[in-house]
C-alpha atoms as a PDB file:
ATOM      1  CA  UNK A   1     -16.168  -2.289 -25.627  1.00  0.00           C
ATOM      2  CA  UNK A   2     -15.850  -6.013 -26.386  1.00  0.00           C
ATOM      3  CA  UNK A   3     -14.392  -9.219 -24.937  1.00  0.00           C
ATOM      4  CA  UNK A   4     -13.398 -12.337 -26.874  1.00  0.00           C
ATOM      5  CA  UNK A   5     -15.117 -15.509 -25.666  1.00  0.00           C
ATOM      6  CA  UNK A   6     -14.365 -18.702 -27.575  1.00  0.00           C
ATOM      7  CA  UNK A   7     -13.575 -16.699 -30.682  1.00  0.00           C
ATOM      8  CA  UNK A   8     -16.739 -14.594 -30.503  1.00  0.00           C
ATOM      9  CA  UNK A   9     -16.628 -10.881 -29.767  1.00  0.00           C
ATOM     10  CA  UNK A  10     -19.182  -9.986 -27.094  1.00  0.00           C
ATOM     11  CA  UNK A  11     -20.295  -6.366 -27.371  1.00  0.00           C
ATOM     12  CA  UNK A  12     -20.608  -4.853 -23.898  1.00  0.00           C
ATOM     13  CA  UNK A  13     -21.627  -1.391 -25.008  1.00  0.00           C
ATOM     14  CA  UNK A  14     -25.099  -2.753 -24.241  1.00  0.00           C
ATOM     15  CA  UNK A  15     -25.100  -4.174 -20.680  1.00  0.00           C
ATOM     16  CA  UNK A  16     -25.277  -7.933 -20.263  1.00  0.00           C
ATOM     17  CA  UNK A  17     -26.457 -10.322 -17.537  1.00  0.00           C
ATOM     18  CA  UNK A  18     -24.421 -13.048 -15.867  1.00  0.00           C
ATOM     19  CA  UNK A  19     -26.650 -15.643 -14.209  1.00  0.00           C
ATOM     20  CA  UNK A  20     -25.419 -17.250 -10.984  1.00  0.00           C
ATOM     21  CA  UNK A  21     -25.319 -21.034 -10.624  1.00  0.00           C
ATOM     22  CA  UNK A  22     -24.002 -22.109  -7.229  1.00  0.00           C
ATOM     23  CA  UNK A  23     -23.026 -25.755  -6.820  1.00  0.00           C
ATOM     24  CA  UNK A  24     -22.303 -25.387  -3.108  1.00  0.00           C
ATOM     25  CA  UNK A  25     -24.450 -26.619  -0.213  1.00  0.00           C
ATOM     26  CA  UNK A  26     -23.813 -23.429   1.801  1.00  0.00           C
ATOM     27  CA  UNK A  27     -24.161 -20.427  -0.516  1.00  0.00           C
ATOM     28  CA  UNK A  28     -26.063 -17.636   1.211  1.00  0.00           C
ATOM     29  CA  UNK A  29     -29.124 -17.674  -1.065  1.00  0.00           C
ATOM     30  CA  UNK A  30     -29.355 -20.809  -3.234  1.00  0.00           C
ATOM     31  CA  UNK A  31     -27.007 -23.208  -1.471  1.00  0.00           C
ATOM     32  CA  UNK A  32     -27.935 -26.857  -2.065  1.00  0.00           C
ATOM     33  CA  UNK A  33     -30.700 -25.994  -4.510  1.00  0.00           C
ATOM     34  CA  UNK A  34     -29.154 -27.704  -7.546  1.00  0.00           C
ATOM     35  CA  UNK A  35     -28.397 -31.230  -6.352  1.00  0.00           C
ATOM     36  CA  UNK A  36     -28.314 -33.132  -9.634  1.00  0.00           C
ATOM     37  CA  UNK A  37     -27.555 -32.529 -13.287  1.00  0.00           C
ATOM     38  CA  UNK A  38     -31.219 -32.375 -14.324  1.00  0.00           C
ATOM     39  CA  UNK A  39     -31.863 -29.530 -11.851  1.00  0.00           C
ATOM     40  CA  UNK A  40     -28.738 -27.753 -13.108  1.00  0.00           C
ATOM     41  CA  UNK A  41     -29.678 -28.075 -16.762  1.00  0.00           C
ATOM     42  CA  UNK A  42     -33.213 -26.854 -16.129  1.00  0.00           C
ATOM     43  CA  UNK A  43     -31.914 -23.774 -14.306  1.00  0.00           C
ATOM     44  CA  UNK A  44     -29.332 -23.061 -17.005  1.00  0.00           C
ATOM     45  CA  UNK A  45     -31.960 -23.365 -19.740  1.00  0.00           C
ATOM     46  CA  UNK A  46     -34.246 -21.021 -17.796  1.00  0.00           C
ATOM     47  CA  UNK A  47     -31.533 -18.372 -17.378  1.00  0.00           C
ATOM     48  CA  UNK A  48     -30.528 -18.565 -21.030  1.00  0.00           C
ATOM     49  CA  UNK A  49     -34.167 -18.258 -22.115  1.00  0.00           C
ATOM     50  CA  UNK A  50     -34.568 -15.215 -19.864  1.00  0.00           C
ATOM     51  CA  UNK A  51     -31.632 -13.492 -21.548  1.00  0.00           C
ATOM     52  CA  UNK A  52     -28.407 -14.337 -19.725  1.00  0.00           C
ATOM     53  CA  UNK A  53     -25.278 -13.910 -21.854  1.00  0.00           C
ATOM     54  CA  UNK A  54     -23.041 -15.625 -19.294  1.00  0.00           C
ATOM     55  CA  UNK A  55     -23.627 -18.286 -16.641  1.00  0.00           C
ATOM     56  CA  UNK A  56     -21.284 -18.159 -13.632  1.00  0.00           C
ATOM     57  CA  UNK A  57     -20.651 -21.582 -12.067  1.00  0.00           C
ATOM     58  CA  UNK A  58     -19.113 -21.817  -8.623  1.00  0.00           C
ATOM     59  CA  UNK A  59     -18.290 -24.717  -6.327  1.00  0.00           C
ATOM     60  CA  UNK A  60     -16.715 -22.855  -3.392  1.00  0.00           C
ATOM     61  CA  UNK A  61     -18.958 -20.542  -1.381  1.00  0.00           C
ATOM     62  CA  UNK A  62     -17.393 -17.124  -0.874  1.00  0.00           C
ATOM     63  CA  UNK A  63     -19.904 -15.825   1.672  1.00  0.00           C
ATOM     64  CA  UNK A  64     -18.415 -14.472   4.926  1.00  0.00           C
ATOM     65  CA  UNK A  65     -17.000 -17.277   7.091  1.00  0.00           C
ATOM     66  CA  UNK A  66     -17.655 -19.857   4.372  1.00  0.00           C
ATOM     67  CA  UNK A  67     -16.419 -23.382   5.003  1.00  0.00           C
ATOM     68  CA  UNK A  68     -13.087 -24.331   3.465  1.00  0.00           C
ATOM     69  CA  UNK A  69     -13.344 -26.632   0.447  1.00  0.00           C
ATOM     70  CA  UNK A  70     -10.337 -28.612  -0.805  1.00  0.00           C
ATOM     71  CA  UNK A  71      -9.183 -28.258  -4.397  1.00  0.00           C
ATOM     72  CA  UNK A  72     -10.070 -31.891  -5.039  1.00  0.00           C
ATOM     73  CA  UNK A  73     -13.611 -31.395  -3.762  1.00  0.00           C
ATOM     74  CA  UNK A  74     -14.028 -28.206  -5.788  1.00  0.00           C
ATOM     75  CA  UNK A  75     -12.923 -30.034  -8.947  1.00  0.00           C
ATOM     76  CA  UNK A  76     -15.196 -32.992  -8.198  1.00  0.00           C
ATOM     77  CA  UNK A  77     -18.151 -30.653  -7.823  1.00  0.00           C
ATOM     78  CA  UNK A  78     -17.586 -28.437 -10.828  1.00  0.00           C
ATOM     79  CA  UNK A  79     -16.000 -30.375 -13.713  1.00  0.00           C
ATOM     80  CA  UNK A  80     -18.826 -32.906 -14.273  1.00  0.00           C
ATOM     81  CA  UNK A  81     -21.349 -30.051 -14.185  1.00  0.00           C
ATOM     82  CA  UNK A  82     -19.417 -27.979 -16.729  1.00  0.00           C
ATOM     83  CA  UNK A  83     -19.180 -31.024 -18.994  1.00  0.00           C
ATOM     84  CA  UNK A  84     -22.899 -31.722 -18.629  1.00  0.00           C
ATOM     85  CA  UNK A  85     -23.860 -28.115 -19.358  1.00  0.00           C
ATOM     86  CA  UNK A  86     -21.605 -27.744 -22.391  1.00  0.00           C
ATOM     87  CA  UNK A  87     -22.762 -31.092 -23.786  1.00  0.00           C
ATOM     88  CA  UNK A  88     -26.328 -29.776 -23.870  1.00  0.00           C
ATOM     89  CA  UNK A  89     -25.503 -26.149 -24.664  1.00  0.00           C
ATOM     90  CA  UNK A  90     -22.330 -26.226 -26.810  1.00  0.00           C
ATOM     91  CA  UNK A  91     -22.307 -22.476 -27.454  1.00  0.00           C
ATOM     92  CA  UNK A  92     -22.835 -21.429 -23.831  1.00  0.00           C
ATOM     93  CA  UNK A  93     -20.463 -18.886 -22.276  1.00  0.00           C
ATOM     94  CA  UNK A  94     -19.700 -20.367 -18.869  1.00  0.00           C
ATOM     95  CA  UNK A  95     -17.740 -18.409 -16.297  1.00  0.00           C
ATOM     96  CA  UNK A  96     -15.943 -20.451 -13.631  1.00  0.00           C
ATOM     97  CA  UNK A  97     -15.987 -18.806 -10.207  1.00  0.00           C
ATOM     98  CA  UNK A  98     -12.714 -19.911  -8.595  1.00  0.00           C
ATOM     99  CA  UNK A  99      -9.522 -18.483  -7.108  1.00  0.00           C
ATOM    100  CA  UNK A 100      -7.495 -21.626  -7.880  1.00  0.00           C
ATOM    101  CA  UNK A 101      -5.438 -21.842 -11.066  1.00  0.00           C
ATOM    102  CA  UNK A 102      -5.820 -25.609 -11.474  1.00  0.00           C
ATOM    103  CA  UNK A 103      -9.593 -25.390 -11.138  1.00  0.00           C
ATOM    104  CA  UNK A 104      -9.560 -22.574 -13.693  1.00  0.00           C
ATOM    105  CA  UNK A 105      -7.457 -24.627 -16.109  1.00  0.00           C
ATOM    106  CA  UNK A 106      -9.519 -27.810 -15.814  1.00  0.00           C
ATOM    107  CA  UNK A 107     -12.762 -25.846 -16.128  1.00  0.00           C
ATOM    108  CA  UNK A 108     -11.649 -24.080 -19.306  1.00  0.00           C
ATOM    109  CA  UNK A 109     -10.514 -27.405 -20.773  1.00  0.00           C
ATOM    110  CA  UNK A 110     -13.944 -28.838 -19.879  1.00  0.00           C
ATOM    111  CA  UNK A 111     -15.713 -26.085 -21.819  1.00  0.00           C
ATOM    112  CA  UNK A 112     -15.877 -22.904 -19.702  1.00  0.00           C
ATOM    113  CA  UNK A 113     -15.106 -19.588 -21.407  1.00  0.00           C
ATOM    114  CA  UNK A 114     -14.150 -17.127 -18.627  1.00  0.00           C
ATOM    115  CA  UNK A 115     -12.450 -17.146 -15.225  1.00  0.00           C
ATOM    116  CA  UNK A 116     -14.036 -15.218 -12.352  1.00  0.00           C
ATOM    117  CA  UNK A 117     -11.554 -14.804  -9.489  1.00  0.00           C
ATOM    118  CA  UNK A 118     -12.661 -13.212  -6.210  1.00  0.00           C
ATOM    119  CA  UNK A 119      -9.022 -12.640  -5.239  1.00  0.00           C
ATOM    120  CA  UNK A 120      -7.651 -11.125  -8.481  1.00  0.00           C
ATOM    121  CA  UNK A 121      -4.798 -13.627  -8.318  1.00  0.00           C
ATOM    122  CA  UNK A 122      -3.828 -12.971  -4.712  1.00  0.00           C
ATOM    123  CA  UNK A 123      -4.887 -16.367  -3.326  1.00  0.00           C
ATOM    124  CA  UNK A 124      -3.028 -18.376  -5.967  1.00  0.00           C
ATOM    125  CA  UNK A 125       0.218 -16.962  -7.309  1.00  0.00           C
ATOM    126  CA  UNK A 126      -0.136 -19.088 -10.440  1.00  0.00           C
ATOM    127  CA  UNK A 127      -3.561 -17.720 -11.421  1.00  0.00           C
ATOM    128  CA  UNK A 128      -2.479 -14.797 -13.592  1.00  0.00           C
ATOM    129  CA  UNK A 129       0.079 -16.835 -15.513  1.00  0.00           C
ATOM    130  CA  UNK A 130      -2.507 -19.593 -16.007  1.00  0.00           C
ATOM    131  CA  UNK A 131      -5.149 -17.191 -17.348  1.00  0.00           C
ATOM    132  CA  UNK A 132      -2.529 -15.678 -19.644  1.00  0.00           C
ATOM    133  CA  UNK A 133      -1.754 -19.116 -21.046  1.00  0.00           C
ATOM    134  CA  UNK A 134      -5.437 -19.994 -21.410  1.00  0.00           C
ATOM    135  CA  UNK A 135      -6.114 -16.700 -23.239  1.00  0.00           C
ATOM    136  CA  UNK A 136      -9.602 -16.271 -21.801  1.00  0.00           C
ATOM    137  CA  UNK A 137     -11.383 -13.246 -20.293  1.00  0.00           C
ATOM    138  CA  UNK A 138     -10.647 -12.694 -16.623  1.00  0.00           C
ATOM    139  CA  UNK A 139     -12.872 -11.173 -13.943  1.00  0.00           C
ATOM    140  CA  UNK A 140     -10.790  -9.733 -11.116  1.00  0.00           C
ATOM    141  CA  UNK A 141     -12.603  -8.744  -7.946  1.00  0.00           C
ATOM    142  CA  UNK A 142     -11.539  -6.584  -5.025  1.00  0.00           C
ATOM    143  CA  UNK A 143     -11.258  -8.463  -1.751  1.00  0.00           C
ATOM    144  CA  UNK A 144      -8.988  -8.481   1.271  1.00  0.00           C
ATOM    145  CA  UNK A 145      -7.994 -11.690   2.998  1.00  0.00           C
ATOM    146  CA  UNK A 146     -10.104 -14.787   2.401  1.00  0.00           C
ATOM    147  CA  UNK A 147     -13.837 -15.521   2.701  1.00  0.00           C
ATOM    148  CA  UNK A 148     -13.045 -16.686   6.237  1.00  0.00           C
ATOM    149  CA  UNK A 149     -11.260 -13.448   7.271  1.00  0.00           C
ATOM    150  CA  UNK A 150     -12.474 -10.679   4.953  1.00  0.00           C
ATOM    151  CA  UNK A 151     -15.048  -9.152   7.299  1.00  0.00           C
ATOM    152  CA  UNK A 152     -12.293  -8.330   9.799  1.00  0.00           C
ATOM    153  CA  UNK A 153     -10.426  -6.331   7.132  1.00  0.00           C
ATOM    154  CA  UNK A 154     -12.703  -3.363   6.506  1.00  0.00           C
ATOM    155  CA  UNK A 155     -10.399  -0.489   7.544  1.00  0.00           C
ATOM    156  CA  UNK A 156      -9.453   1.784   4.636  1.00  0.00           C
ATOM    157  CA  UNK A 157      -7.535   5.032   4.465  1.00  0.00           C
ATOM    158  CA  UNK A 158      -9.759   6.250   1.637  1.00  0.00           C
ATOM    159  CA  UNK A 159     -12.186   3.599   0.378  1.00  0.00           C
ATOM    160  CA  UNK A 160     -12.438   4.520  -3.314  1.00  0.00           C
ATOM    161  CA  UNK A 161      -8.813   5.547  -3.680  1.00  0.00           C
ATOM    162  CA  UNK A 162      -7.604   2.342  -2.030  1.00  0.00           C
ATOM    163  CA  UNK A 163      -9.762   0.090  -4.219  1.00  0.00           C
ATOM    164  CA  UNK A 164      -8.841   1.895  -7.442  1.00  0.00           C
ATOM    165  CA  UNK A 165      -5.160   1.659  -6.485  1.00  0.00           C
ATOM    166  CA  UNK A 166      -5.675  -2.077  -5.856  1.00  0.00           C
ATOM    167  CA  UNK A 167      -7.061  -2.518  -9.360  1.00  0.00           C
ATOM    168  CA  UNK A 168      -4.286  -0.436 -10.899  1.00  0.00           C
ATOM    169  CA  UNK A 169      -1.719  -2.762  -9.325  1.00  0.00           C
ATOM    170  CA  UNK A 170      -3.568  -5.943 -10.311  1.00  0.00           C
ATOM    171  CA  UNK A 171      -4.098  -4.690 -13.871  1.00  0.00           C
ATOM    172  CA  UNK A 172      -0.381  -4.025 -14.127  1.00  0.00           C
ATOM    173  CA  UNK A 173       0.359  -7.581 -12.994  1.00  0.00           C
ATOM    174  CA  UNK A 174      -2.193  -9.009 -15.424  1.00  0.00           C
ATOM    175  CA  UNK A 175      -0.613  -7.084 -18.284  1.00  0.00           C
ATOM    176  CA  UNK A 176       2.707  -8.808 -17.562  1.00  0.00           C
ATOM    177  CA  UNK A 177       0.974 -12.121 -18.292  1.00  0.00           C
ATOM    178  CA  UNK A 178      -0.617 -10.905 -21.552  1.00  0.00           C
ATOM    179  CA  UNK A 179      -4.172 -11.021 -20.204  1.00  0.00           C
ATOM    180  CA  UNK A 180      -6.049  -8.784 -22.622  1.00  0.00           C
ATOM    181  CA  UNK A 181      -9.761  -9.123 -21.767  1.00  0.00           C
ATOM    182  CA  UNK A 182     -10.179  -7.992 -18.167  1.00  0.00           C
ATOM    183  CA  UNK A 183     -13.384  -7.306 -16.241  1.00  0.00           C
ATOM    184  CA  UNK A 184     -13.269  -5.582 -12.865  1.00  0.00           C
ATOM    185  CA  UNK A 185     -15.657  -6.234  -9.969  1.00  0.00           C
ATOM    186  CA  UNK A 186     -15.539  -3.848  -6.963  1.00  0.00           C
ATOM    187  CA  UNK A 187     -16.553  -6.728  -4.674  1.00  0.00           C
ATOM    188  CA  UNK A 188     -19.700  -5.622  -2.882  1.00  0.00           C
ATOM    189  CA  UNK A 189     -19.831  -7.399   0.479  1.00  0.00           C
ATOM    190  CA  UNK A 190     -16.192  -8.511   0.386  1.00  0.00           C
ATOM    191  CA  UNK A 191     -14.116  -6.846   3.129  1.00  0.00           C
ATOM    192  CA  UNK A 192     -16.600  -3.986   3.253  1.00  0.00           C
ATOM    193  CA  UNK A 193     -19.183  -2.809   5.744  1.00  0.00           C
ATOM    194  CA  UNK A 194     -22.773  -2.073   4.761  1.00  0.00           C
ATOM    195  CA  UNK A 195     -22.002   1.660   4.771  1.00  0.00           C
ATOM    196  CA  UNK A 196     -18.920   1.140   2.603  1.00  0.00           C
ATOM    197  CA  UNK A 197     -20.936  -0.886   0.095  1.00  0.00           C
ATOM    198  CA  UNK A 198     -23.372   1.990  -0.377  1.00  0.00           C
ATOM    199  CA  UNK A 199     -20.553   4.515  -0.656  1.00  0.00           C
ATOM    200  CA  UNK A 200     -18.997   2.333  -3.344  1.00  0.00           C
ATOM    201  CA  UNK A 201     -22.276   2.221  -5.273  1.00  0.00           C
ATOM    202  CA  UNK A 202     -22.802   5.955  -4.877  1.00  0.00           C
ATOM    203  CA  UNK A 203     -19.444   6.662  -6.527  1.00  0.00           C
ATOM    204  CA  UNK A 204     -19.363   3.722  -8.939  1.00  0.00           C
ATOM    205  CA  UNK A 205     -18.719   5.928 -11.973  1.00  0.00           C
ATOM    206  CA  UNK A 206     -15.178   6.560 -10.672  1.00  0.00           C
ATOM    207  CA  UNK A 207     -14.176   3.054 -11.776  1.00  0.00           C
ATOM    208  CA  UNK A 208     -14.620   4.018 -15.417  1.00  0.00           C
ATOM    209  CA  UNK A 209     -11.233   5.755 -15.188  1.00  0.00           C
ATOM    210  CA  UNK A 210      -9.705   2.265 -15.291  1.00  0.00           C
ATOM    211  CA  UNK A 211     -11.170   1.832 -18.799  1.00  0.00           C
ATOM    212  CA  UNK A 212     -12.225  -1.758 -18.186  1.00  0.00           C
ATOM    213  CA  UNK A 213     -15.502  -3.646 -18.340  1.00  0.00           C
ATOM    214  CA  UNK A 214     -17.335  -3.191 -15.030  1.00  0.00           C
ATOM    215  CA  UNK A 215     -19.188  -6.101 -13.421  1.00  0.00           C
ATOM    216  CA  UNK A 216     -21.531  -5.519 -10.474  1.00  0.00           C
ATOM    217  CA  UNK A 217     -22.738  -8.207  -8.099  1.00  0.00           C
ATOM    218  CA  UNK A 218     -25.210  -6.999  -5.477  1.00  0.00           C
ATOM    219  CA  UNK A 219     -27.857  -9.687  -6.011  1.00  0.00           C
ATOM    220  CA  UNK A 220     -29.763 -10.412  -2.780  1.00  0.00           C
ATOM    221  CA  UNK A 221     -26.740  -9.451  -0.667  1.00  0.00           C
ATOM    222  CA  UNK A 222     -26.731  -8.399   2.979  1.00  0.00           C
ATOM    223  CA  UNK A 223     -26.334  -4.714   2.112  1.00  0.00           C
ATOM    224  CA  UNK A 224     -29.899  -5.012   0.799  1.00  0.00           C
ATOM    225  CA  UNK A 225     -31.624  -7.367   3.199  1.00  0.00           C
ATOM    226  CA  UNK A 226     -30.013  -5.940   6.352  1.00  0.00           C
ATOM    227  CA  UNK A 227     -30.949  -2.413   5.308  1.00  0.00           C
ATOM    228  CA  UNK A 228     -34.544  -3.417   4.556  1.00  0.00           C
ATOM    229  CA  UNK A 229     -34.704  -5.808   7.536  1.00  0.00           C
ATOM    230  CA  UNK A 230     -35.817  -8.714   5.360  1.00  0.00           C
ATOM    231  CA  UNK A 231     -34.193 -11.987   4.285  1.00  0.00           C
ATOM    232  CA  UNK A 232     -32.224 -12.778   1.138  1.00  0.00           C
ATOM    233  CA  UNK A 233     -35.367 -14.533  -0.111  1.00  0.00           C
ATOM    234  CA  UNK A 234     -37.235 -11.222   0.029  1.00  0.00           C
ATOM    235  CA  UNK A 235     -34.459  -9.044  -1.404  1.00  0.00           C
ATOM    236  CA  UNK A 236     -35.341  -9.166  -5.110  1.00  0.00           C
ATOM    237  CA  UNK A 237     -37.019  -5.753  -5.203  1.00  0.00           C
ATOM    238  CA  UNK A 238     -34.038  -4.177  -3.439  1.00  0.00           C
ATOM    239  CA  UNK A 239     -31.698  -5.936  -5.867  1.00  0.00           C
ATOM    240  CA  UNK A 240     -33.609  -4.458  -8.801  1.00  0.00           C
ATOM    241  CA  UNK A 241     -33.296  -0.951  -7.369  1.00  0.00           C
ATOM    242  CA  UNK A 242     -29.539  -1.220  -6.859  1.00  0.00           C
ATOM    243  CA  UNK A 243     -28.993  -2.870 -10.249  1.00  0.00           C
ATOM    244  CA  UNK A 244     -30.777   0.058 -11.864  1.00  0.00           C
ATOM    245  CA  UNK A 245     -28.529   2.537 -10.049  1.00  0.00           C
ATOM    246  CA  UNK A 246     -25.462   0.515 -11.084  1.00  0.00           C
ATOM    247  CA  UNK A 247     -26.520   0.614 -14.736  1.00  0.00           C
ATOM    248  CA  UNK A 248     -27.020   4.364 -14.571  1.00  0.00           C
ATOM    249  CA  UNK A 249     -23.473   4.669 -13.207  1.00  0.00           C
ATOM    250  CA  UNK A 250     -21.856   2.609 -15.941  1.00  0.00           C
ATOM    251  CA  UNK A 251     -22.136  -1.084 -15.084  1.00  0.00           C
ATOM    252  CA  UNK A 252     -21.558  -3.334 -18.111  1.00  0.00           C
ATOM    253  CA  UNK A 253     -22.456  -6.711 -16.571  1.00  0.00           C
ATOM    254  CA  UNK A 254     -24.974  -7.532 -13.830  1.00  0.00           C
ATOM    255  CA  UNK A 255     -24.197 -10.764 -11.957  1.00  0.00           C
ATOM    256  CA  UNK A 256     -27.533 -11.946 -10.576  1.00  0.00           C
ATOM    257  CA  UNK A 257     -29.654 -14.807  -9.301  1.00  0.00           C
ATOM    258  CA  UNK A 258     -32.741 -13.461 -11.104  1.00  0.00           C
ATOM    259  CA  UNK A 259     -32.035 -13.036 -14.806  1.00  0.00           C
ATOM    260  CA  UNK A 260     -35.492 -11.970 -16.011  1.00  0.00           C
ATOM    261  CA  UNK A 261     -35.687  -9.044 -13.602  1.00  0.00           C
ATOM    262  CA  UNK A 262     -32.131  -7.934 -14.395  1.00  0.00           C
ATOM    263  CA  UNK A 263     -32.906  -7.961 -18.112  1.00  0.00           C
ATOM    264  CA  UNK A 264     -35.940  -5.785 -17.421  1.00  0.00           C
ATOM    265  CA  UNK A 265     -33.664  -3.327 -15.587  1.00  0.00           C
ATOM    266  CA  UNK A 266     -31.419  -3.146 -18.636  1.00  0.00           C
ATOM    267  CA  UNK A 267     -34.272  -2.716 -21.106  1.00  0.00           C
ATOM    268  CA  UNK A 268     -35.903   0.071 -19.114  1.00  0.00           C
ATOM    269  CA  UNK A 269     -32.627   1.844 -18.362  1.00  0.00           C
ATOM    270  CA  UNK A 270     -31.699   1.827 -22.044  1.00  0.00           C
ATOM    271  CA  UNK A 271     -34.977   3.617 -22.795  1.00  0.00           C
ATOM    272  CA  UNK A 272     -33.650   6.538 -20.750  1.00  0.00           C
ATOM    273  CA  UNK A 273     -30.458   6.942 -22.798  1.00  0.00           C
END
C-alpha cells in the first residue's frame, strides 16, 4: 500500500506517524503554543527527528463548538507558515488540515503535499474537484455537520454501517474527480459520543473492507481524558494505549501530538507481527 507525495512513493505497509502542528489560538490541547516562526520550526524539526513522516498543519480549530474563522484569516495564518517550513525543510511532507478548497489550493502551491479534510468535501462543494486537479493525496474524515454543530448529530441507525456507507459514497464521488490516493479517517470525537468512539475503535478492522489507507486520530482526545477523569495534558498514556490497539486493528497512520511515543508504539507492535 503506497501513496504518491511530491513524486515519492510512501510505503504504508509499515505504519507511519503524522505529527500535529496547530496554528490556532483555541485548539483543545496546544492552542496558541506556536506563536512565531521560530517556535514552529523548532517543533517541526523535533517531530521530524522523532520519526514523523508527515506534519499536519491546521489554522482552523475543529474542536467541538470551535470559533468560526474566515477564509482570509485561515490563509493569513497558514500560508506564511507553510512557506517558512518548506524553505527550511524542502523535502518535508506537509499535510494541510482544511475543509476549504481555496486554502487547500494555496497551501499546495506554497509547498504542502497532502490535503486533510474533516468534511470529506461536504463543507465545500469545490473541494473534490480541486484535489483532483492538484493531484495530491486526500484524507477524508467522517463528520456530520460542522465543528459548531457536530456534537448534536450523534444519532445513528447502525454506527459502523452508517459510517462505512458514508465513506463508500464519498469514495465514489472522489473517483469521479480522479482522486487516486485516498486516506480515510473515521473521525474519533466528531459527531460521536464517548461510547460510540470506543465502539468504533473496537471494530476498527471493519474499515479495511474499503481497501484504503486508514488514519487514526485519538491523540489526547476527550474519549481518553473524560474516561480517565484527567485533562488533555495528562492523556498521553491513554493515547499510547489506544494507538496500540488501533495499530493491532490495521491503522496505517497515527495522527498525534507526541511523535516519539507514537513511533515507540509502532516499533513495539511490529515486533509482535
